[in-house]
N, C-alpha and C. Protein backbone atom coordinates (compact mmCIF):
# COMPACT_ATOMS: atom_id res chain seq x y z
N UNK A 1 8.80 9.09 -23.16
CA UNK A 1 8.11 7.24 -22.68
C UNK A 1 10.37 6.48 -22.52
N UNK A 2 10.81 6.82 -23.75
CA UNK A 2 12.33 6.46 -24.44
C UNK A 2 13.20 6.68 -23.01
N UNK A 3 13.49 7.97 -22.54
CA UNK A 3 13.76 8.39 -20.38
C UNK A 3 13.34 7.15 -19.75
N UNK A 4 11.90 7.22 -19.94
CA UNK A 4 12.14 6.31 -18.73
C UNK A 4 12.70 4.49 -18.58
N UNK A 5 11.88 4.30 -19.43
CA UNK A 5 12.76 3.04 -20.46
C UNK A 5 14.19 3.31 -19.93
N UNK A 6 14.83 3.87 -20.23
CA UNK A 6 16.06 3.73 -20.12
C UNK A 6 16.45 3.83 -19.05
N UNK A 7 15.84 4.73 -18.40
CA UNK A 7 16.26 5.39 -16.47
C UNK A 7 16.35 3.33 -15.92
N UNK A 8 15.11 2.84 -16.36
CA UNK A 8 14.81 1.60 -15.91
C UNK A 8 15.51 0.26 -15.99
N UNK A 9 16.32 0.49 -17.51
CA UNK A 9 17.07 -0.40 -17.76
C UNK A 9 18.80 -0.26 -17.18
N UNK A 10 18.86 1.08 -16.90
CA UNK A 10 19.71 1.80 -16.10
C UNK A 10 20.06 1.45 -14.47
N UNK A 11 18.68 1.08 -13.74
CA UNK A 11 18.86 0.29 -12.53
C UNK A 11 19.22 -1.48 -13.23
N UNK A 12 19.16 -1.93 -14.37
CA UNK A 12 18.95 -2.90 -14.40
C UNK A 12 21.04 -3.13 -14.53
N UNK A 13 21.09 -2.46 -15.10
CA UNK A 13 22.73 -2.58 -16.45
C UNK A 13 22.98 -2.48 -14.57
N UNK A 14 23.08 -1.01 -14.04
CA UNK A 14 23.90 -0.98 -13.36
C UNK A 14 23.89 -2.38 -11.97
N UNK A 15 23.30 -2.88 -11.90
CA UNK A 15 23.17 -3.77 -10.28
C UNK A 15 22.58 -3.87 -9.44
N UNK A 16 21.47 -2.73 -9.97
CA UNK A 16 21.20 -2.46 -8.35
C UNK A 16 19.46 -3.13 -8.53
N UNK A 17 19.18 -4.27 -8.26
CA UNK A 17 18.60 -4.64 -7.44
C UNK A 17 19.98 -6.42 -6.93
N UNK A 18 20.94 -6.03 -7.13
CA UNK A 18 21.96 -7.07 -6.70
C UNK A 18 22.02 -6.08 -5.33
N UNK A 19 22.92 -4.97 -5.58
CA UNK A 19 22.93 -3.89 -4.43
C UNK A 19 22.36 -3.73 -3.53
N UNK A 20 20.89 -3.55 -3.67
CA UNK A 20 20.23 -3.31 -2.57
C UNK A 20 19.34 -4.86 -2.12
N UNK A 21 19.62 -5.47 -3.01
CA UNK A 21 19.69 -7.26 -1.92
C UNK A 21 20.63 -7.31 -0.84
N UNK A 22 21.53 -6.34 -1.77
CA UNK A 22 22.75 -6.78 -0.62
C UNK A 22 22.78 -6.55 0.38
N UNK A 23 22.49 -5.12 0.85
CA UNK A 23 22.19 -3.81 1.16
C UNK A 23 21.15 -4.26 2.82
N UNK A 24 19.84 -5.08 2.52
CA UNK A 24 19.10 -5.79 3.12
C UNK A 24 19.23 -7.10 3.60
N UNK A 25 20.65 -7.08 3.58
CA UNK A 25 20.83 -8.28 3.87
C UNK A 25 21.88 -7.69 5.62
N UNK A 26 22.79 -6.49 4.53
CA UNK A 26 23.10 -6.18 6.07
C UNK A 26 22.42 -6.08 6.75
N UNK A 27 21.72 -4.81 6.77
CA UNK A 27 20.71 -4.50 7.30
C UNK A 27 20.32 -5.53 8.18
N UNK A 28 19.31 -6.59 7.62
CA UNK A 28 19.06 -7.74 8.69
C UNK A 28 19.36 -8.40 9.67
N UNK A 29 21.16 -8.33 8.94
CA UNK A 29 21.90 -8.97 10.27
C UNK A 29 22.92 -7.91 10.82
N UNK A 30 22.76 -6.56 10.98
CA UNK A 30 22.86 -5.73 11.91
C UNK A 30 21.66 -6.11 13.17
N UNK A 31 20.61 -6.16 12.58
CA UNK A 31 19.43 -6.03 13.30
C UNK A 31 19.56 -7.66 14.37
N UNK A 32 19.63 -8.50 13.16
CA UNK A 32 19.83 -10.00 14.18
C UNK A 32 21.43 -10.05 15.24
N UNK A 33 22.32 -9.41 14.64
CA UNK A 33 23.05 -9.18 16.16
C UNK A 33 22.74 -8.55 17.08
N UNK A 34 22.29 -6.97 17.00
CA UNK A 34 21.57 -6.49 17.86
C UNK A 34 21.17 -7.10 19.50
N UNK A 35 19.92 -8.28 18.16
CA UNK A 35 19.31 -9.10 19.12
C UNK A 35 19.63 -10.35 19.30
N UNK A 36 20.70 -10.95 19.16
CA UNK A 36 21.54 -11.94 19.60
C UNK A 36 21.94 -11.66 20.73
N UNK A 37 23.27 -9.82 20.93
CA UNK A 37 23.12 -9.59 21.86
C UNK A 37 22.64 -9.31 22.95
N UNK A 38 21.32 -8.58 22.95
CA UNK A 38 20.68 -8.57 24.32
C UNK A 38 19.71 -9.75 24.82
N UNK A 39 19.56 -10.77 23.57
CA UNK A 39 18.71 -11.94 23.92
C UNK A 39 20.21 -13.18 25.09
N UNK A 40 21.32 -13.36 24.70
CA UNK A 40 22.42 -13.46 25.12
C UNK A 40 22.79 -12.86 26.76
N UNK A 41 22.55 -11.37 27.01
CA UNK A 41 22.23 -11.11 28.13
C UNK A 41 21.71 -11.49 29.06
N UNK A 42 20.27 -11.59 28.08
CA UNK A 42 18.90 -11.53 29.25
C UNK A 42 19.32 -12.96 29.36
N UNK A 43 19.63 -13.91 29.25
CA UNK A 43 20.04 -15.67 29.83
C UNK A 43 21.55 -15.58 30.04
N UNK A 44 22.25 -15.09 30.51
CA UNK A 44 23.33 -14.74 31.11
C UNK A 44 23.65 -14.82 32.21
N UNK A 45 25.39 -14.80 33.29
CA UNK A 45 24.63 -15.02 34.62
C UNK A 45 24.82 -13.82 34.61
N UNK A 46 23.96 -13.38 36.53
CA UNK A 46 23.95 -12.36 37.26
C UNK A 46 24.78 -10.92 36.45
N UNK A 47 24.86 -10.34 37.22
CA UNK A 47 25.20 -9.07 37.20
C UNK A 47 26.20 -8.51 38.88
N UNK A 48 26.18 -9.87 39.57
CA UNK A 48 26.46 -9.91 40.60
C UNK A 48 27.68 -10.40 40.32
N UNK A 49 27.12 -11.34 39.53
CA UNK A 49 28.71 -12.31 38.97
C UNK A 49 29.56 -11.47 37.39
N UNK A 50 29.35 -11.36 37.52
CA UNK A 50 29.91 -9.84 35.98
C UNK A 50 30.25 -8.62 36.13
N UNK A 51 29.49 -7.94 36.96
CA UNK A 51 30.41 -6.90 37.81
C UNK A 51 29.86 -6.15 36.36
N UNK A 52 30.08 -5.03 36.62
CA UNK A 52 29.57 -3.82 35.60
C UNK A 52 29.55 -3.80 34.14
N UNK A 53 30.83 -5.27 33.92
CA UNK A 53 30.80 -5.40 32.38
C UNK A 53 29.02 -5.58 31.93
N UNK A 54 28.89 -6.41 32.89
CA UNK A 54 27.57 -6.88 32.06
C UNK A 54 26.35 -6.05 32.06
N UNK A 55 25.91 -5.08 32.89
CA UNK A 55 25.20 -4.32 33.17
C UNK A 55 25.38 -3.28 32.07
N UNK A 56 26.86 -2.78 31.71
CA UNK A 56 27.07 -1.84 30.15
C UNK A 56 26.50 -2.83 28.97
N UNK A 57 26.60 -4.18 29.03
CA UNK A 57 26.66 -4.19 28.04
C UNK A 57 24.89 -4.62 27.70
N UNK A 58 24.64 -5.03 28.80
CA UNK A 58 23.08 -5.42 28.31
C UNK A 58 22.63 -3.75 28.26
N UNK A 59 22.82 -2.54 28.59
CA UNK A 59 22.51 -1.54 27.86
C UNK A 59 22.62 -0.93 26.79
N UNK A 60 24.10 -1.51 26.71
CA UNK A 60 24.47 -1.42 24.61
C UNK A 60 23.44 -2.50 23.82
N UNK A 61 23.16 -3.69 24.75
CA UNK A 61 22.29 -4.40 23.86
C UNK A 61 20.43 -4.01 23.88
N UNK A 62 20.33 -3.44 24.36
CA UNK A 62 19.15 -2.74 24.43
C UNK A 62 19.01 -1.48 23.70
N UNK A 63 20.24 -0.48 23.33
CA UNK A 63 20.06 0.60 22.68
C UNK A 63 20.41 -0.17 21.34
N UNK A 64 20.87 -0.79 21.19
CA UNK A 64 21.46 -1.52 19.95
C UNK A 64 20.12 -2.26 19.48
N UNK A 65 19.25 -2.87 20.22
CA UNK A 65 18.68 -3.19 20.02
C UNK A 65 17.10 -2.62 18.86
N UNK A 66 16.78 -1.28 19.52
CA UNK A 66 16.26 -0.18 19.84
C UNK A 66 16.88 0.44 18.72
N UNK A 67 18.07 0.93 18.15
CA UNK A 67 18.53 1.78 17.11
C UNK A 67 18.90 1.46 16.45
N UNK A 68 18.97 -0.23 15.85
CA UNK A 68 19.41 0.04 14.52
C UNK A 68 18.89 -0.17 13.75
N UNK A 69 17.80 -1.23 14.06
CA UNK A 69 16.39 -0.87 12.91
C UNK A 69 16.26 0.49 11.73
N UNK A 70 16.09 1.21 12.97
CA UNK A 70 15.99 2.68 11.75
C UNK A 70 16.98 3.39 10.96
N UNK A 71 18.38 2.91 11.88
CA UNK A 71 19.42 3.91 11.71
C UNK A 71 19.57 2.96 10.08
N UNK A 72 19.26 1.22 10.24
CA UNK A 72 20.07 0.77 9.01
C UNK A 72 18.92 1.08 7.96
N UNK A 73 18.12 1.05 8.74
CA UNK A 73 16.65 1.64 6.92
C UNK A 73 17.33 2.98 6.18
N UNK A 74 17.38 3.82 7.28
CA UNK A 74 17.49 5.11 6.35
C UNK A 74 18.91 5.14 6.23
N UNK A 75 19.86 3.90 6.11
CA UNK A 75 21.12 4.08 5.15
C UNK A 75 20.53 3.35 3.94
N UNK A 76 19.14 2.24 3.91
CA UNK A 76 18.97 1.57 2.75
C UNK A 76 18.28 2.76 2.27
N UNK A 77 17.68 4.36 3.39
CA UNK A 77 16.88 4.08 2.13
C UNK A 77 17.78 5.45 1.78
N UNK A 78 18.26 6.06 2.29
CA UNK A 78 19.82 6.99 0.93
C UNK A 78 20.81 6.92 0.22
N UNK A 79 20.78 5.14 0.35
CA UNK A 79 21.13 3.92 -1.11
C UNK A 79 20.40 4.04 -1.70
N UNK A 80 19.40 3.86 -1.86
CA UNK A 80 18.33 3.43 -3.14
C UNK A 80 17.93 4.87 -3.62
N UNK A 81 17.82 6.26 -2.71
CA UNK A 81 17.75 7.49 -3.45
C UNK A 81 19.07 8.08 -4.74
N UNK A 82 20.28 7.28 -4.01
CA UNK A 82 21.57 8.07 -4.81
C UNK A 82 21.97 6.96 -5.87
N UNK A 83 20.61 6.01 -5.48
CA UNK A 83 20.68 5.13 -7.04
C UNK A 83 20.01 5.24 -8.09
N UNK A 84 19.17 5.99 -7.65
CA UNK A 84 18.10 7.03 -8.31
C UNK A 84 18.42 8.15 -9.78
N UNK A 85 19.60 8.82 -8.90
CA UNK A 85 20.00 9.83 -9.20
C UNK A 85 21.15 8.80 -10.56
N UNK A 86 22.00 7.74 -9.96
CA UNK A 86 22.58 7.59 -10.58
C UNK A 86 22.14 6.62 -12.59
N UNK A 87 20.47 6.42 -11.55
CA UNK A 87 19.81 5.46 -13.51
C UNK A 87 19.77 6.91 -13.97
N UNK A 88 18.98 7.88 -13.07
CA UNK A 88 18.51 8.91 -14.12
C UNK A 88 19.90 9.35 -15.00
N UNK A 89 20.81 9.41 -14.43
CA UNK A 89 22.38 9.39 -15.10
C UNK A 89 23.12 8.80 -16.60
N UNK A 90 22.87 7.12 -16.17
CA UNK A 90 23.01 6.43 -17.06
C UNK A 90 21.83 6.41 -17.76
N UNK A 91 20.33 6.56 -17.47
CA UNK A 91 19.76 6.70 -18.97
C UNK A 91 19.99 7.86 -18.99
N UNK A 92 20.24 9.02 -19.08
CA UNK A 92 20.35 10.20 -19.36
C UNK A 92 21.66 9.29 -20.97
N UNK A 93 22.77 9.15 -20.21
CA UNK A 93 24.09 8.79 -20.89
C UNK A 93 22.91 8.14 -22.48
N UNK A 94 22.39 7.27 -22.14
CA UNK A 94 22.36 5.98 -22.83
C UNK A 94 20.99 6.20 -24.33
N UNK A 95 20.11 7.24 -23.72
CA UNK A 95 18.68 8.10 -24.66
C UNK A 95 20.10 9.16 -25.19
N UNK A 96 20.99 9.27 -24.70
CA UNK A 96 21.33 10.86 -24.97
C UNK A 96 20.74 12.19 -25.55
N UNK A 97 20.21 11.87 -24.54
CA UNK A 97 19.13 12.78 -24.37
C UNK A 97 17.79 13.33 -23.01
N UNK A 98 18.66 13.86 -22.52
CA UNK A 98 18.24 13.86 -20.59
C UNK A 98 17.67 15.38 -20.96
N UNK A 99 16.97 15.71 -21.71
CA UNK A 99 15.71 16.45 -21.28
C UNK A 99 15.07 15.85 -21.51
N UNK A 100 14.82 15.21 -22.37
CA UNK A 100 13.61 13.35 -22.24
C UNK A 100 13.07 13.19 -20.84
N UNK A 101 14.15 12.74 -20.59
CA UNK A 101 14.06 11.88 -19.03
C UNK A 101 13.13 13.23 -18.14
N UNK A 102 14.03 14.30 -18.13
CA UNK A 102 12.85 15.65 -17.33
C UNK A 102 12.12 16.14 -17.36
N UNK A 103 11.58 15.55 -19.07
CA UNK A 103 10.23 15.84 -19.51
C UNK A 103 9.49 15.13 -18.02
N UNK A 104 9.81 13.56 -19.14
CA UNK A 104 8.85 12.48 -17.57
C UNK A 104 8.68 12.62 -16.37
N UNK A 105 9.59 12.81 -16.35
CA UNK A 105 9.73 13.50 -14.39
C UNK A 105 8.71 14.38 -14.05
N UNK A 106 9.20 15.80 -14.87
CA UNK A 106 8.05 16.30 -15.25
C UNK A 106 6.46 16.24 -14.93
N UNK A 107 6.67 15.94 -16.01
CA UNK A 107 4.83 15.18 -16.54
C UNK A 107 4.17 13.84 -15.60
N UNK A 108 5.23 13.36 -14.91
CA UNK A 108 4.63 12.03 -14.31
C UNK A 108 4.13 13.10 -12.35
N UNK A 109 5.58 13.57 -12.37
CA UNK A 109 5.12 14.76 -10.80
C UNK A 109 3.77 15.32 -10.76
N UNK A 110 3.38 16.30 -11.97
CA UNK A 110 2.38 17.35 -11.96
C UNK A 110 0.92 16.53 -11.76
N UNK A 111 0.88 15.09 -11.98
CA UNK A 111 -0.32 14.62 -11.69
C UNK A 111 -0.04 14.49 -10.20
N UNK A 112 -1.26 14.86 -9.52
CA UNK A 112 -0.86 15.32 -8.26
C UNK A 112 -2.01 13.39 -7.30
N UNK A 113 -2.45 13.40 -8.29
CA UNK A 113 -3.41 12.08 -7.36
C UNK A 113 -2.25 10.74 -7.07
N UNK A 114 -2.98 10.65 -6.07
CA UNK A 114 -1.85 10.01 -5.38
C UNK A 114 -2.78 8.09 -6.17
N UNK A 115 -1.39 7.04 -5.86
CA UNK A 115 -2.08 5.73 -7.10
C UNK A 115 -2.74 5.03 -5.87
N UNK A 116 -3.73 4.32 -5.75
CA UNK A 116 -4.84 3.59 -4.97
C UNK A 116 -4.08 2.36 -5.20
N UNK A 117 -3.21 1.21 -5.91
CA UNK A 117 -2.16 0.77 -5.83
C UNK A 117 -1.04 0.29 -4.92
N UNK A 118 -0.50 1.58 -5.44
CA UNK A 118 0.94 1.86 -4.54
C UNK A 118 0.33 1.74 -2.61
N UNK A 119 1.64 1.27 -2.61
CA UNK A 119 1.71 1.47 -0.87
C UNK A 119 3.40 1.95 -0.38
N UNK A 120 2.96 2.01 0.76
CA UNK A 120 5.33 2.01 1.10
C UNK A 120 5.76 0.76 0.65
N UNK A 121 5.19 0.06 0.67
CA UNK A 121 5.85 -1.47 1.12
C UNK A 121 6.29 -1.22 -0.71
N UNK A 122 5.27 -0.94 -1.99
CA UNK A 122 5.57 -0.92 -3.22
C UNK A 122 5.96 0.20 -4.40
N UNK A 123 6.57 1.48 -3.27
CA UNK A 123 7.02 2.27 -3.55
C UNK A 123 8.04 2.67 -4.20
N UNK A 124 9.12 1.93 -4.46
CA UNK A 124 10.23 1.40 -4.29
C UNK A 124 10.05 1.21 -5.68
N UNK A 125 9.36 0.34 -6.67
CA UNK A 125 9.08 0.15 -7.92
C UNK A 125 8.55 1.08 -8.93
N UNK A 126 8.43 2.29 -8.20
CA UNK A 126 8.11 3.34 -8.89
C UNK A 126 9.30 4.05 -9.37
N UNK A 127 8.94 5.10 -10.70
CA UNK A 127 9.66 5.92 -11.17
C UNK A 127 10.40 7.42 -10.15
N UNK A 128 9.04 7.70 -9.61
CA UNK A 128 9.10 8.46 -8.86
C UNK A 128 8.28 8.41 -7.76
N UNK A 129 8.21 9.12 -6.16
CA UNK A 129 7.45 8.26 -6.00
C UNK A 129 6.10 8.91 -6.28
N UNK A 130 4.56 7.11 -5.79
CA UNK A 130 3.09 7.29 -5.79
C UNK A 130 2.78 7.86 -4.80
N UNK A 131 3.26 7.92 -3.86
CA UNK A 131 2.29 8.30 -2.43
C UNK A 131 1.90 9.70 -2.64
N UNK A 132 2.33 10.52 -3.38
CA UNK A 132 2.32 12.33 -2.95
C UNK A 132 1.46 12.96 -1.75
N UNK A 133 2.21 12.73 -1.07
CA UNK A 133 1.84 12.65 0.73
C UNK A 133 3.47 13.30 1.30
N UNK A 134 3.80 13.91 1.02
CA UNK A 134 4.79 14.82 0.97
C UNK A 134 5.67 16.15 1.26
N UNK A 135 6.99 16.17 1.33
CA UNK A 135 7.70 17.38 0.57
C UNK A 135 7.47 18.86 1.26
N UNK A 136 6.38 19.44 -0.04
CA UNK A 136 6.19 21.10 0.91
C UNK A 136 5.70 20.94 2.24
N UNK A 137 4.66 20.21 2.79
CA UNK A 137 4.74 20.47 4.41
C UNK A 137 5.36 20.09 5.37
N UNK A 138 5.98 18.68 5.21
CA UNK A 138 6.86 17.66 5.80
C UNK A 138 7.80 18.54 6.50
N UNK A 139 8.38 18.74 5.06
CA UNK A 139 10.17 19.21 5.57
C UNK A 139 11.20 17.56 4.69
N UNK A 140 12.67 18.34 5.30
CA UNK A 140 13.43 17.50 5.26
C UNK A 140 13.86 16.32 5.54
N UNK A 141 13.32 15.85 7.34
CA UNK A 141 12.58 14.93 8.07
C UNK A 141 12.12 13.62 6.67
N UNK A 142 10.78 14.04 6.90
CA UNK A 142 10.00 13.00 5.95
C UNK A 142 10.98 13.08 4.24
N UNK A 143 11.94 13.65 3.91
CA UNK A 143 12.74 13.46 2.60
C UNK A 143 14.18 11.64 3.53
N UNK A 144 13.97 11.73 4.43
CA UNK A 144 15.01 11.00 5.20
C UNK A 144 13.94 9.24 5.15
N UNK A 145 13.24 8.96 4.97
CA UNK A 145 12.77 7.97 4.72
C UNK A 145 11.55 7.80 3.68
N UNK A 146 12.11 8.12 2.64
CA UNK A 146 11.51 8.33 1.31
C UNK A 146 12.63 7.74 0.37
N UNK A 147 12.22 6.56 -1.12
CA UNK A 147 12.77 5.98 -1.48
C UNK A 147 13.41 6.18 -2.83
N UNK A 148 12.73 7.91 -2.95
CA UNK A 148 13.25 8.64 -4.03
C UNK A 148 13.81 10.06 -4.30
N UNK A 149 14.58 10.06 -4.35
CA UNK A 149 14.87 11.87 -3.67
C UNK A 149 13.63 12.73 -5.14
N UNK A 150 13.39 13.96 -4.15
CA UNK A 150 12.72 14.56 -4.49
C UNK A 150 12.50 15.05 -6.14
N UNK A 151 11.32 14.60 -6.98
CA UNK A 151 11.83 15.11 -8.54
C UNK A 151 12.44 16.24 -8.93
N UNK A 152 12.64 17.44 -8.13
CA UNK A 152 12.51 18.76 -8.38
C UNK A 152 14.39 18.38 -8.46
N UNK A 153 15.01 18.27 -7.63
CA UNK A 153 16.26 18.04 -7.58
C UNK A 153 16.49 17.27 -9.13
N UNK A 154 15.83 15.97 -8.75
CA UNK A 154 16.64 15.20 -9.79
C UNK A 154 16.16 15.37 -11.38
N UNK A 155 15.64 16.28 -11.74
CA UNK A 155 14.65 16.68 -12.76
C UNK A 155 15.92 18.58 -13.05
N UNK A 156 16.83 18.84 -12.06
CA UNK A 156 17.52 20.05 -12.36
C UNK A 156 19.53 19.15 -12.33
N UNK A 157 19.43 18.03 -11.63
CA UNK A 157 20.95 17.20 -12.45
C UNK A 157 20.84 16.84 -13.67
N UNK A 158 19.52 16.35 -14.40
CA UNK A 158 19.57 16.32 -15.50
C UNK A 158 19.91 17.20 -16.35
N UNK A 159 18.85 18.41 -16.02
CA UNK A 159 19.01 19.30 -17.11
C UNK A 159 20.40 20.21 -16.70
N UNK A 160 20.90 19.84 -15.26
CA UNK A 160 22.56 20.57 -15.50
C UNK A 160 24.01 20.26 -16.10
N UNK A 161 23.17 18.38 -17.30
CA UNK A 161 23.86 17.89 -17.68
C UNK A 161 24.76 16.86 -17.19
């Protein structure tokens, strides 16, 4: 229990909430800029008046509008996973007992029952992924969309010191 509390306190001490708020704002800004570019191209002059540059900007706007939310979300999730490792390390330093947090993570991950109250929108609020429907069968692609790194990797890092 002490390791789990230290992990969560480390998120606070490391300003993870502020960092993720800034990342979320930047993700929204990228998506908004892509949308603005696309909309200004749609309302702009005709392609005959602007030449090939207008068509190129229109295609770039469409590509950005489609891909920027996905890429931005992947970046946000990657940062979230890195912060989990950092909170584990900081929590281990705080308690001076990394085996305690590793043991807690083992116990939490051993429970195969998915939490009924958890969903994709609240998964990042848990110490480990509460959905329990992934990893071994889906593979590395599913890991890109997780808010937490695999528990086995976290335990390995804690035990390595």
